[in-house]
Amino acid sequence: PYRKVLLTRRNVLRRDGHRCQYCGAADRLTLDHVMPRSRGGPDTWENLVAACVPCNNRKGNKTPDEAGMTLARPPFRPSHVMYMRDFLGHGQDDWK
């Protein structure tokens, strides 16, 4: 229970439900830094979100407020238990 979920592109997309956090699109997804890296934004769970290419290009080197864009939900670090429950699914019924 004390293990942490690794910060990978795949896990960020899973956390965000494979949807752009700005418009809700489900295709051509990339990762976006909420606070741009050029302004000192770190590569952390709390600063990375899934974004489609058009939204990522529109936001550019700005914060969401500066670009006039809102996030569907704030980024967060998923817990190991939540990751297993929500992203890997439930066990087989005959095992219960």
PDB file of N, CA and C in Angstrom:
ATOM      1  N   PRO A   1       0.812  -1.225   0.000  1.00  0.00           N
ATOM      2  CA  PRO A   1       0.000   0.000   0.000  1.00  0.00           C
ATOM      3  C   PRO A   1       0.841   1.269   0.000  1.00  0.00           C
ATOM      4  N   TYR A   2       2.143   1.163   0.240  1.00  0.00           N
ATOM      5  CA  TYR A   2       2.985   2.353   0.309  1.00  0.00           C
ATOM      6  C   TYR A   2       3.703   2.628  -1.014  1.00  0.00           C
ATOM      7  N   ARG A   3       3.472   1.782  -2.015  1.00  0.00           N
ATOM      8  CA  ARG A   3       4.105   2.002  -3.308  1.00  0.00           C
ATOM      9  C   ARG A   3       3.416   3.158  -4.007  1.00  0.00           C
ATOM     10  N   LYS A   4       4.170   3.834  -4.843  1.00  0.00           N
ATOM     11  CA  LYS A   4       3.621   4.959  -5.585  1.00  0.00           C
ATOM     12  C   LYS A   4       3.448   4.558  -7.044  1.00  0.00           C
ATOM     13  N   VAL A   5       2.438   5.123  -7.687  1.00  0.00           N
ATOM     14  CA  VAL A   5       2.207   4.887  -9.103  1.00  0.00           C
ATOM     15  C   VAL A   5       3.258   5.679  -9.867  1.00  0.00           C
ATOM     16  N   LEU A   6       3.931   5.023 -10.812  1.00  0.00           N
ATOM     17  CA  LEU A   6       4.977   5.679 -11.583  1.00  0.00           C
ATOM     18  C   LEU A   6       4.389   6.756 -12.482  1.00  0.00           C
ATOM     19  N   LEU A   7       5.105   7.858 -12.595  1.00  0.00           N
ATOM     20  CA  LEU A   7       4.699   8.944 -13.472  1.00  0.00           C
ATOM     21  C   LEU A   7       5.155   8.615 -14.892  1.00  0.00           C
ATOM     22  N   THR A   8       4.221   8.117 -15.697  1.00  0.00           N
ATOM     23  CA  THR A   8       4.492   7.811 -17.093  1.00  0.00           C
ATOM     24  C   THR A   8       3.373   8.409 -17.938  1.00  0.00           C
ATOM     25  N   ARG A   9       3.631   8.517 -19.221  1.00  0.00           N
ATOM     26  CA  ARG A   9       2.623   9.046 -20.139  1.00  0.00           C
ATOM     27  C   ARG A   9       1.359   8.186 -20.070  1.00  0.00           C
ATOM     28  N   ARG A  10       1.541   6.886 -20.108  1.00  0.00           N
ATOM     29  CA  ARG A  10       0.408   5.964 -20.063  1.00  0.00           C
ATOM     30  C   ARG A  10      -0.427   6.151 -18.791  1.00  0.00           C
ATOM     31  N   ASN A  11       0.220   6.310 -17.658  1.00  0.00           N
ATOM     32  CA  ASN A  11      -0.507   6.465 -16.401  1.00  0.00           C
ATOM     33  C   ASN A  11      -1.219   7.810 -16.303  1.00  0.00           C
ATOM     34  N   VAL A  12      -0.640   8.864 -16.867  1.00  0.00           N
ATOM     35  CA  VAL A  12      -1.320  10.164 -16.874  1.00  0.00           C
ATOM     36  C   VAL A  12      -2.576  10.074 -17.742  1.00  0.00           C
ATOM     37  N   LEU A  13      -2.465   9.418 -18.896  1.00  0.00           N
ATOM     38  CA  LEU A  13      -3.634   9.259 -19.753  1.00  0.00           C
ATOM     39  C   LEU A  13      -4.707   8.411 -19.073  1.00  0.00           C
ATOM     40  N   ARG A  14      -4.297   7.381 -18.363  1.00  0.00           N
ATOM     41  CA  ARG A  14      -5.265   6.556 -17.622  1.00  0.00           C
ATOM     42  C   ARG A  14      -5.953   7.374 -16.547  1.00  0.00           C
ATOM     43  N   ARG A  15      -5.176   8.141 -15.794  1.00  0.00           N
ATOM     44  CA  ARG A  15      -5.758   8.964 -14.733  1.00  0.00           C
ATOM     45  C   ARG A  15      -6.811   9.918 -15.290  1.00  0.00           C
ATOM     46  N   ASP A  16      -6.551  10.477 -16.468  1.00  0.00           N
ATOM     47  CA  ASP A  16      -7.453  11.452 -17.065  1.00  0.00           C
ATOM     48  C   ASP A  16      -8.522  10.814 -17.947  1.00  0.00           C
ATOM     49  N   GLY A  17      -8.626   9.493 -17.930  1.00  0.00           N
ATOM     50  CA  GLY A  17      -9.674   8.802 -18.664  1.00  0.00           C
ATOM     51  C   GLY A  17      -9.518   8.871 -20.173  1.00  0.00           C
ATOM     52  N   HIS A  18      -8.277   9.042 -20.644  1.00  0.00           N
ATOM     53  CA  HIS A  18      -7.997   9.145 -22.083  1.00  0.00           C
ATOM     54  C   HIS A  18      -8.849  10.238 -22.731  1.00  0.00           C
ATOM     55  N   ARG A  19      -8.985  11.362 -22.043  1.00  0.00           N
ATOM     56  CA  ARG A  19      -9.735  12.514 -22.534  1.00  0.00           C
ATOM     57  C   ARG A  19      -8.913  13.777 -22.341  1.00  0.00           C
ATOM     58  N   CYS A  20      -9.043  14.695 -23.290  1.00  0.00           N
ATOM     59  CA  CYS A  20      -8.405  16.001 -23.156  1.00  0.00           C
ATOM     60  C   CYS A  20      -9.024  16.708 -21.955  1.00  0.00           C
ATOM     61  N   GLN A  21      -8.203  17.250 -21.098  1.00  0.00           N
ATOM     62  CA  GLN A  21      -8.709  17.911 -19.897  1.00  0.00           C
ATOM     63  C   GLN A  21      -9.188  19.336 -20.165  1.00  0.00           C
ATOM     64  N   TYR A  22      -9.058  19.790 -21.393  1.00  0.00           N
ATOM     65  CA  TYR A  22      -9.540  21.118 -21.769  1.00  0.00           C
ATOM     66  C   TYR A  22     -10.851  21.049 -22.547  1.00  0.00           C
ATOM     67  N   CYS A  23     -10.959  20.128 -23.520  1.00  0.00           N
ATOM     68  CA  CYS A  23     -12.163  20.080 -24.368  1.00  0.00           C
ATOM     69  C   CYS A  23     -12.894  18.743 -24.313  1.00  0.00           C
ATOM     70  N   GLY A  24     -12.277  17.705 -23.782  1.00  0.00           N
ATOM     71  CA  GLY A  24     -12.920  16.403 -23.679  1.00  0.00           C
ATOM     72  C   GLY A  24     -12.702  15.485 -24.866  1.00  0.00           C
ATOM     73  N   ALA A  25     -11.921  15.897 -25.849  1.00  0.00           N
ATOM     74  CA  ALA A  25     -11.660  15.053 -27.014  1.00  0.00           C
ATOM     75  C   ALA A  25     -10.890  13.800 -26.604  1.00  0.00           C
ATOM     76  N   ALA A  26     -11.065  12.741 -27.400  1.00  0.00           N
ATOM     77  CA  ALA A  26     -10.423  11.472 -27.063  1.00  0.00           C
ATOM     78  C   ALA A  26      -9.386  11.036 -28.088  1.00  0.00           C
ATOM     79  N   ASP A  27      -9.071  11.874 -29.063  1.00  0.00           N
ATOM     80  CA  ASP A  27      -8.099  11.470 -30.072  1.00  0.00           C
ATOM     81  C   ASP A  27      -6.937  12.452 -30.126  1.00  0.00           C
ATOM     82  N   ARG A  28      -5.807  11.967 -30.648  1.00  0.00           N
ATOM     83  CA  ARG A  28      -4.573  12.753 -30.784  1.00  0.00           C
ATOM     84  C   ARG A  28      -4.151  13.372 -29.447  1.00  0.00           C
ATOM     85  N   LEU A  29      -4.032  12.553 -28.414  1.00  0.00           N
ATOM     86  CA  LEU A  29      -3.697  13.060 -27.083  1.00  0.00           C
ATOM     87  C   LEU A  29      -2.196  13.182 -26.875  1.00  0.00           C
ATOM     88  N   THR A  30      -1.823  14.238 -26.183  1.00  0.00           N
ATOM     89  CA  THR A  30      -0.448  14.484 -25.776  1.00  0.00           C
ATOM     90  C   THR A  30      -0.473  14.820 -24.292  1.00  0.00           C
ATOM     91  N   LEU A  31       0.698  15.074 -23.729  1.00  0.00           N
ATOM     92  CA  LEU A  31       0.773  15.551 -22.357  1.00  0.00           C
ATOM     93  C   LEU A  31       1.024  17.050 -22.369  1.00  0.00           C
ATOM     94  N   ASP A  32       0.372  17.755 -21.474  1.00  0.00           N
ATOM     95  CA  ASP A  32       0.531  19.195 -21.364  1.00  0.00           C
ATOM     96  C   ASP A  32       0.989  19.538 -19.956  1.00  0.00           C
ATOM     97  N   HIS A  33       1.947  20.443 -19.850  1.00  0.00           N
ATOM     98  CA  HIS A  33       2.369  20.962 -18.559  1.00  0.00           C
ATOM     99  C   HIS A  33       1.469  22.144 -18.224  1.00  0.00           C
ATOM    100  N   VAL A  34       0.752  22.067 -17.113  1.00  0.00           N
ATOM    101  CA  VAL A  34      -0.148  23.154 -16.712  1.00  0.00           C
ATOM    102  C   VAL A  34       0.668  24.430 -16.547  1.00  0.00           C
ATOM    103  N   MET A  35       1.725  24.370 -15.777  1.00  0.00           N
ATOM    104  CA  MET A  35       2.707  25.456 -15.709  1.00  0.00           C
ATOM    105  C   MET A  35       3.820  25.055 -16.666  1.00  0.00           C
ATOM    106  N   PRO A  36       4.001  25.793 -17.771  1.00  0.00           N
ATOM    107  CA  PRO A  36       4.961  25.385 -18.803  1.00  0.00           C
ATOM    108  C   PRO A  36       6.369  25.144 -18.259  1.00  0.00           C
ATOM    109  N   ARG A  37       7.058  24.196 -18.845  1.00  0.00           N
ATOM    110  CA  ARG A  37       8.428  23.874 -18.428  1.00  0.00           C
ATOM    111  C   ARG A  37       9.347  25.069 -18.590  1.00  0.00           C
ATOM    112  N   SER A  38       9.103  25.891 -19.611  1.00  0.00           N
ATOM    113  CA  SER A  38       9.957  27.058 -19.830  1.00  0.00           C
ATOM    114  C   SER A  38       9.816  28.084 -18.708  1.00  0.00           C
ATOM    115  N   ARG A  39       8.773  27.964 -17.916  1.00  0.00           N
ATOM    116  CA  ARG A  39       8.562  28.863 -16.767  1.00  0.00           C
ATOM    117  C   ARG A  39       8.855  28.162 -15.449  1.00  0.00           C
ATOM    118  N   GLY A  40       9.508  27.024 -15.535  1.00  0.00           N
ATOM    119  CA  GLY A  40       9.896  26.312 -14.319  1.00  0.00           C
ATOM    120  C   GLY A  40       8.920  25.251 -13.876  1.00  0.00           C
ATOM    121  N   GLY A  41       7.958  24.904 -14.708  1.00  0.00           N
ATOM    122  CA  GLY A  41       6.991  23.872 -14.351  1.00  0.00           C
ATOM    123  C   GLY A  41       7.645  22.503 -14.303  1.00  0.00           C
ATOM    124  N   PRO A  42       7.454  21.764 -13.223  1.00  0.00           N
ATOM    125  CA  PRO A  42       8.105  20.454 -13.077  1.00  0.00           C
ATOM    126  C   PRO A  42       7.335  19.337 -13.781  1.00  0.00           C
ATOM    127  N   ASP A  43       7.989  18.202 -13.930  1.00  0.00           N
ATOM    128  CA  ASP A  43       7.346  16.992 -14.436  1.00  0.00           C
ATOM    129  C   ASP A  43       6.792  16.231 -13.235  1.00  0.00           C
ATOM    130  N   THR A  44       5.613  16.629 -12.774  1.00  0.00           N
ATOM    131  CA  THR A  44       4.980  15.996 -11.616  1.00  0.00           C
ATOM    132  C   THR A  44       3.537  15.663 -11.950  1.00  0.00           C
ATOM    133  N   TRP A  45       2.930  14.796 -11.145  1.00  0.00           N
ATOM    134  CA  TRP A  45       1.525  14.449 -11.314  1.00  0.00           C
ATOM    135  C   TRP A  45       0.643  15.695 -11.277  1.00  0.00           C
ATOM    136  N   GLU A  46       0.999  16.639 -10.419  1.00  0.00           N
ATOM    137  CA  GLU A  46       0.176  17.825 -10.220  1.00  0.00           C
ATOM    138  C   GLU A  46       0.355  18.871 -11.316  1.00  0.00           C
ATOM    139  N   ASN A  47       1.275  18.651 -12.263  1.00  0.00           N
ATOM    140  CA  ASN A  47       1.521  19.617 -13.323  1.00  0.00           C
ATOM    141  C   ASN A  47       1.296  19.046 -14.722  1.00  0.00           C
ATOM    142  N   LEU A  48       0.993  17.764 -14.841  1.00  0.00           N
ATOM    143  CA  LEU A  48       0.784  17.146 -16.151  1.00  0.00           C
ATOM    144  C   LEU A  48      -0.673  16.739 -16.337  1.00  0.00           C
ATOM    145  N   VAL A  49      -1.216  17.015 -17.520  1.00  0.00           N
ATOM    146  CA  VAL A  49      -2.570  16.596 -17.873  1.00  0.00           C
ATOM    147  C   VAL A  49      -2.581  16.101 -19.307  1.00  0.00           C
ATOM    148  N   ALA A  50      -3.592  15.305 -19.642  1.00  0.00           N
ATOM    149  CA  ALA A  50      -3.796  14.876 -21.024  1.00  0.00           C
ATOM    150  C   ALA A  50      -4.433  16.034 -21.786  1.00  0.00           C
ATOM    151  N   ALA A  51      -3.940  16.280 -23.001  1.00  0.00           N
ATOM    152  CA  ALA A  51      -4.495  17.341 -23.836  1.00  0.00           C
ATOM    153  C   ALA A  51      -4.417  16.916 -25.294  1.00  0.00           C
ATOM    154  N   CYS A  52      -5.438  17.275 -26.065  1.00  0.00           N
ATOM    155  CA  CYS A  52      -5.386  16.983 -27.500  1.00  0.00           C
ATOM    156  C   CYS A  52      -4.421  17.971 -28.154  1.00  0.00           C
ATOM    157  N   VAL A  53      -3.959  17.631 -29.342  1.00  0.00           N
ATOM    158  CA  VAL A  53      -2.972  18.464 -30.034  1.00  0.00           C
ATOM    159  C   VAL A  53      -3.490  19.888 -30.262  1.00  0.00           C
ATOM    160  N   PRO A  54      -4.737  20.078 -30.742  1.00  0.00           N
ATOM    161  CA  PRO A  54      -5.211  21.460 -30.942  1.00  0.00           C
ATOM    162  C   PRO A  54      -5.223  22.288 -29.652  1.00  0.00           C
ATOM    163  N   CYS A  55      -5.681  21.702 -28.551  1.00  0.00           N
ATOM    164  CA  CYS A  55      -5.705  22.437 -27.273  1.00  0.00           C
ATOM    165  C   CYS A  55      -4.289  22.720 -26.775  1.00  0.00           C
ATOM    166  N   ASN A  56      -3.391  21.738 -26.920  1.00  0.00           N
ATOM    167  CA  ASN A  56      -2.018  21.926 -26.484  1.00  0.00           C
ATOM    168  C   ASN A  56      -1.358  23.047 -27.289  1.00  0.00           C
ATOM    169  N   ASN A  57      -1.612  23.091 -28.592  1.00  0.00           N
ATOM    170  CA  ASN A  57      -1.057  24.165 -29.416  1.00  0.00           C
ATOM    171  C   ASN A  57      -1.679  25.515 -29.071  1.00  0.00           C
ATOM    172  N   ARG A  58      -2.989  25.526 -28.814  1.00  0.00           N
ATOM    173  CA  ARG A  58      -3.663  26.776 -28.472  1.00  0.00           C
ATOM    174  C   ARG A  58      -3.144  27.344 -27.149  1.00  0.00           C
ATOM    175  N   LYS A  59      -2.919  26.466 -26.181  1.00  0.00           N
ATOM    176  CA  LYS A  59      -2.416  26.907 -24.880  1.00  0.00           C
ATOM    177  C   LYS A  59      -0.980  27.390 -25.002  1.00  0.00           C
ATOM    178  N   GLY A  60      -0.174  26.663 -25.760  1.00  0.00           N
ATOM    179  CA  GLY A  60       1.205  27.078 -25.994  1.00  0.00           C
ATOM    180  C   GLY A  60       2.009  27.250 -24.719  1.00  0.00           C
ATOM    181  N   ASN A  61       2.693  28.371 -24.613  1.00  0.00           N
ATOM    182  CA  ASN A  61       3.589  28.656 -23.494  1.00  0.00           C
ATOM    183  C   ASN A  61       2.899  29.532 -22.445  1.00  0.00           C
ATOM    184  N   LYS A  62       1.624  29.252 -22.201  1.00  0.00           N
ATOM    185  CA  LYS A  62       0.844  30.037 -21.241  1.00  0.00           C
ATOM    186  C   LYS A  62       0.278  29.128 -20.169  1.00  0.00           C
ATOM    187  N   THR A  63      -0.174  29.722 -19.099  1.00  0.00           N
ATOM    188  CA  THR A  63      -0.926  28.973 -18.103  1.00  0.00           C
ATOM    189  C   THR A  63      -2.359  28.873 -18.617  1.00  0.00           C
ATOM    190  N   PRO A  64      -3.161  27.972 -18.085  1.00  0.00           N
ATOM    191  CA  PRO A  64      -4.548  27.887 -18.542  1.00  0.00           C
ATOM    192  C   PRO A  64      -5.318  29.205 -18.360  1.00  0.00           C
ATOM    193  N   ASP A  65      -5.067  29.918 -17.283  1.00  0.00           N
ATOM    194  CA  ASP A  65      -5.747  31.199 -17.059  1.00  0.00           C
ATOM    195  C   ASP A  65      -5.368  32.217 -18.132  1.00  0.00           C
ATOM    196  N   GLU A  66      -4.086  32.282 -18.452  1.00  0.00           N
ATOM    197  CA  GLU A  66      -3.626  33.224 -19.470  1.00  0.00           C
ATOM    198  C   GLU A  66      -4.188  32.881 -20.855  1.00  0.00           C
ATOM    199  N   ALA A  67      -4.384  31.591 -21.122  1.00  0.00           N
ATOM    200  CA  ALA A  67      -4.904  31.158 -22.415  1.00  0.00           C
ATOM    201  C   ALA A  67      -6.429  31.169 -22.461  1.00  0.00           C
ATOM    202  N   GLY A  68      -7.067  31.446 -21.329  1.00  0.00           N
ATOM    203  CA  GLY A  68      -8.523  31.446 -21.277  1.00  0.00           C
ATOM    204  C   GLY A  68      -9.120  30.058 -21.364  1.00  0.00           C
ATOM    205  N   MET A  69      -8.402  29.066 -20.835  1.00  0.00           N
ATOM    206  CA  MET A  69      -8.850  27.676 -20.875  1.00  0.00           C
ATOM    207  C   MET A  69      -9.022  27.170 -19.451  1.00  0.00           C
ATOM    208  N   THR A  70      -9.984  26.294 -19.246  1.00  0.00           N
ATOM    209  CA  THR A  70     -10.196  25.727 -17.918  1.00  0.00           C
ATOM    210  C   THR A  70      -9.991  24.220 -17.963  1.00  0.00           C
ATOM    211  N   LEU A  71      -9.482  23.684 -16.875  1.00  0.00           N
ATOM    212  CA  LEU A  71      -9.275  22.247 -16.746  1.00  0.00           C
ATOM    213  C   LEU A  71     -10.576  21.582 -16.301  1.00  0.00           C
ATOM    214  N   ALA A  72     -10.846  20.391 -16.813  1.00  0.00           N
ATOM    215  CA  ALA A  72     -12.026  19.642 -16.403  1.00  0.00           C
ATOM    216  C   ALA A  72     -11.943  19.310 -14.909  1.00  0.00           C
ATOM    217  N   ARG A  73     -10.756  18.993 -14.440  1.00  0.00           N
ATOM    218  CA  ARG A  73     -10.520  18.756 -13.009  1.00  0.00           C
ATOM    219  C   ARG A  73      -9.041  18.998 -12.746  1.00  0.00           C
ATOM    220  N   PRO A  74      -8.698  19.382 -11.546  1.00  0.00           N
ATOM    221  CA  PRO A  74      -7.283  19.628 -11.258  1.00  0.00           C
ATOM    222  C   PRO A  74      -6.485  18.331 -11.275  1.00  0.00           C
ATOM    223  N   PRO A  75      -5.248  18.387 -11.759  1.00  0.00           N
ATOM    224  CA  PRO A  75      -4.421  17.178 -11.762  1.00  0.00           C
ATOM    225  C   PRO A  75      -4.046  16.764 -10.345  1.00  0.00           C
ATOM    226  N   PHE A  76      -3.914  15.464 -10.137  1.00  0.00           N
ATOM    227  CA  PHE A  76      -3.608  14.937  -8.803  1.00  0.00           C
ATOM    228  C   PHE A  76      -2.759  13.688  -8.930  1.00  0.00           C
ATOM    229  N   ARG A  77      -2.122  13.319  -7.829  1.00  0.00           N
ATOM    230  CA  ARG A  77      -1.334  12.087  -7.771  1.00  0.00           C
ATOM    231  C   ARG A  77      -2.270  10.949  -7.370  1.00  0.00           C
ATOM    232  N   PRO A  78      -2.455   9.944  -8.233  1.00  0.00           N
ATOM    233  CA  PRO A  78      -3.340   8.833  -7.865  1.00  0.00           C
ATOM    234  C   PRO A  78      -2.666   7.935  -6.837  1.00  0.00           C
ATOM    235  N   SER A  79      -3.479   7.376  -5.970  1.00  0.00           N
ATOM    236  CA  SER A  79      -2.937   6.436  -4.988  1.00  0.00           C
ATOM    237  C   SER A  79      -2.795   5.068  -5.646  1.00  0.00           C
ATOM    238  N   HIS A  80      -1.967   4.250  -5.078  1.00  0.00           N
ATOM    239  CA  HIS A  80      -1.723   2.911  -5.623  1.00  0.00           C
ATOM    240  C   HIS A  80      -3.009   2.093  -5.594  1.00  0.00           C
ATOM    241  N   VAL A  81      -3.764   2.209  -4.518  1.00  0.00           N
ATOM    242  CA  VAL A  81      -5.010   1.449  -4.375  1.00  0.00           C
ATOM    243  C   VAL A  81      -6.034   1.926  -5.413  1.00  0.00           C
ATOM    244  N   MET A  82      -6.156   3.237  -5.588  1.00  0.00           N
ATOM    245  CA  MET A  82      -7.078   3.774  -6.567  1.00  0.00           C
ATOM    246  C   MET A  82      -6.692   3.322  -7.976  1.00  0.00           C
ATOM    247  N   TYR A  83      -5.409   3.317  -8.260  1.00  0.00           N
ATOM    248  CA  TYR A  83      -4.926   2.894  -9.570  1.00  0.00           C
ATOM    249  C   TYR A  83      -5.339   1.450  -9.843  1.00  0.00           C
ATOM    250  N   MET A  84      -5.123   0.588  -8.875  1.00  0.00           N
ATOM    251  CA  MET A  84      -5.465  -0.819  -9.050  1.00  0.00           C
ATOM    252  C   MET A  84      -6.973  -0.994  -9.214  1.00  0.00           C
ATOM    253  N   ARG A  85      -7.764  -0.295  -8.409  1.00  0.00           N
ATOM    254  CA  ARG A  85      -9.217  -0.449  -8.441  1.00  0.00           C
ATOM    255  C   ARG A  85      -9.827   0.131  -9.716  1.00  0.00           C
ATOM    256  N   ASP A  86      -9.470   1.358 -10.045  1.00  0.00           N
ATOM    257  CA  ASP A  86     -10.130   2.062 -11.143  1.00  0.00           C
ATOM    258  C   ASP A  86      -9.542   1.764 -12.507  1.00  0.00           C
ATOM    259  N   PHE A  87      -8.243   1.545 -12.592  1.00  0.00           N
ATOM    260  CA  PHE A  87      -7.612   1.430 -13.886  1.00  0.00           C
ATOM    261  C   PHE A  87      -7.364  -0.010 -14.321  1.00  0.00           C
ATOM    262  N   LEU A  88      -7.191  -0.905 -13.389  1.00  0.00           N
ATOM    263  CA  LEU A  88      -6.939  -2.293 -13.760  1.00  0.00           C
ATOM    264  C   LEU A  88      -8.197  -3.138 -13.701  1.00  0.00           C
ATOM    265  N   GLY A  89      -9.262  -2.598 -13.136  1.00  0.00           N
ATOM    266  CA  GLY A  89     -10.545  -3.306 -13.097  1.00  0.00           C
ATOM    267  C   GLY A  89     -10.686  -4.158 -11.861  1.00  0.00           C
ATOM    268  N   HIS A  90     -11.805  -4.807 -11.797  1.00  0.00           N
ATOM    269  CA  HIS A  90     -12.134  -5.655 -10.649  1.00  0.00           C
ATOM    270  C   HIS A  90     -11.816  -7.112 -10.973  1.00  0.00           C
ATOM    271  N   GLY A  91     -11.682  -7.905  -9.947  1.00  0.00           N
ATOM    272  CA  GLY A  91     -11.356  -9.307 -10.134  1.00  0.00           C
ATOM    273  C   GLY A  91     -12.516 -10.083 -10.733  1.00  0.00           C
ATOM    274  N   GLN A  92     -12.238 -11.299 -11.074  1.00  0.00           N
ATOM    275  CA  GLN A  92     -13.286 -12.152 -11.643  1.00  0.00           C
ATOM    276  C   GLN A  92     -14.287 -12.514 -10.568  1.00  0.00           C
ATOM    277  N   ASP A  93     -15.537 -12.625 -10.967  1.00  0.00           N
ATOM    278  CA  ASP A  93     -16.596 -12.906 -10.001  1.00  0.00           C
ATOM    279  C   ASP A  93     -16.429 -14.270  -9.318  1.00  0.00           C
ATOM    280  N   ASP A  94     -15.926 -15.268 -10.033  1.00  0.00           N
ATOM    281  CA  ASP A  94     -15.794 -16.592  -9.415  1.00  0.00           C
ATOM    282  C   ASP A  94     -14.665 -16.628  -8.376  1.00  0.00           C
ATOM    283  N   TRP A  95     -13.814 -15.593  -8.315  1.00  0.00           N
ATOM    284  CA  TRP A  95     -12.775 -15.515  -7.294  1.00  0.00           C
ATOM    285  C   TRP A  95     -13.304 -14.946  -5.999  1.00  0.00           C
ATOM    286  N   LYS A  96     -14.471 -14.289  -6.044  1.00  0.00           N
ATOM    287  CA  LYS A  96     -14.986 -13.600  -4.836  1.00  0.00           C
ATOM    288  C   LYS A  96     -15.461 -14.579  -3.819  1.00  0.00           C
TER     289      LYS A  96
END
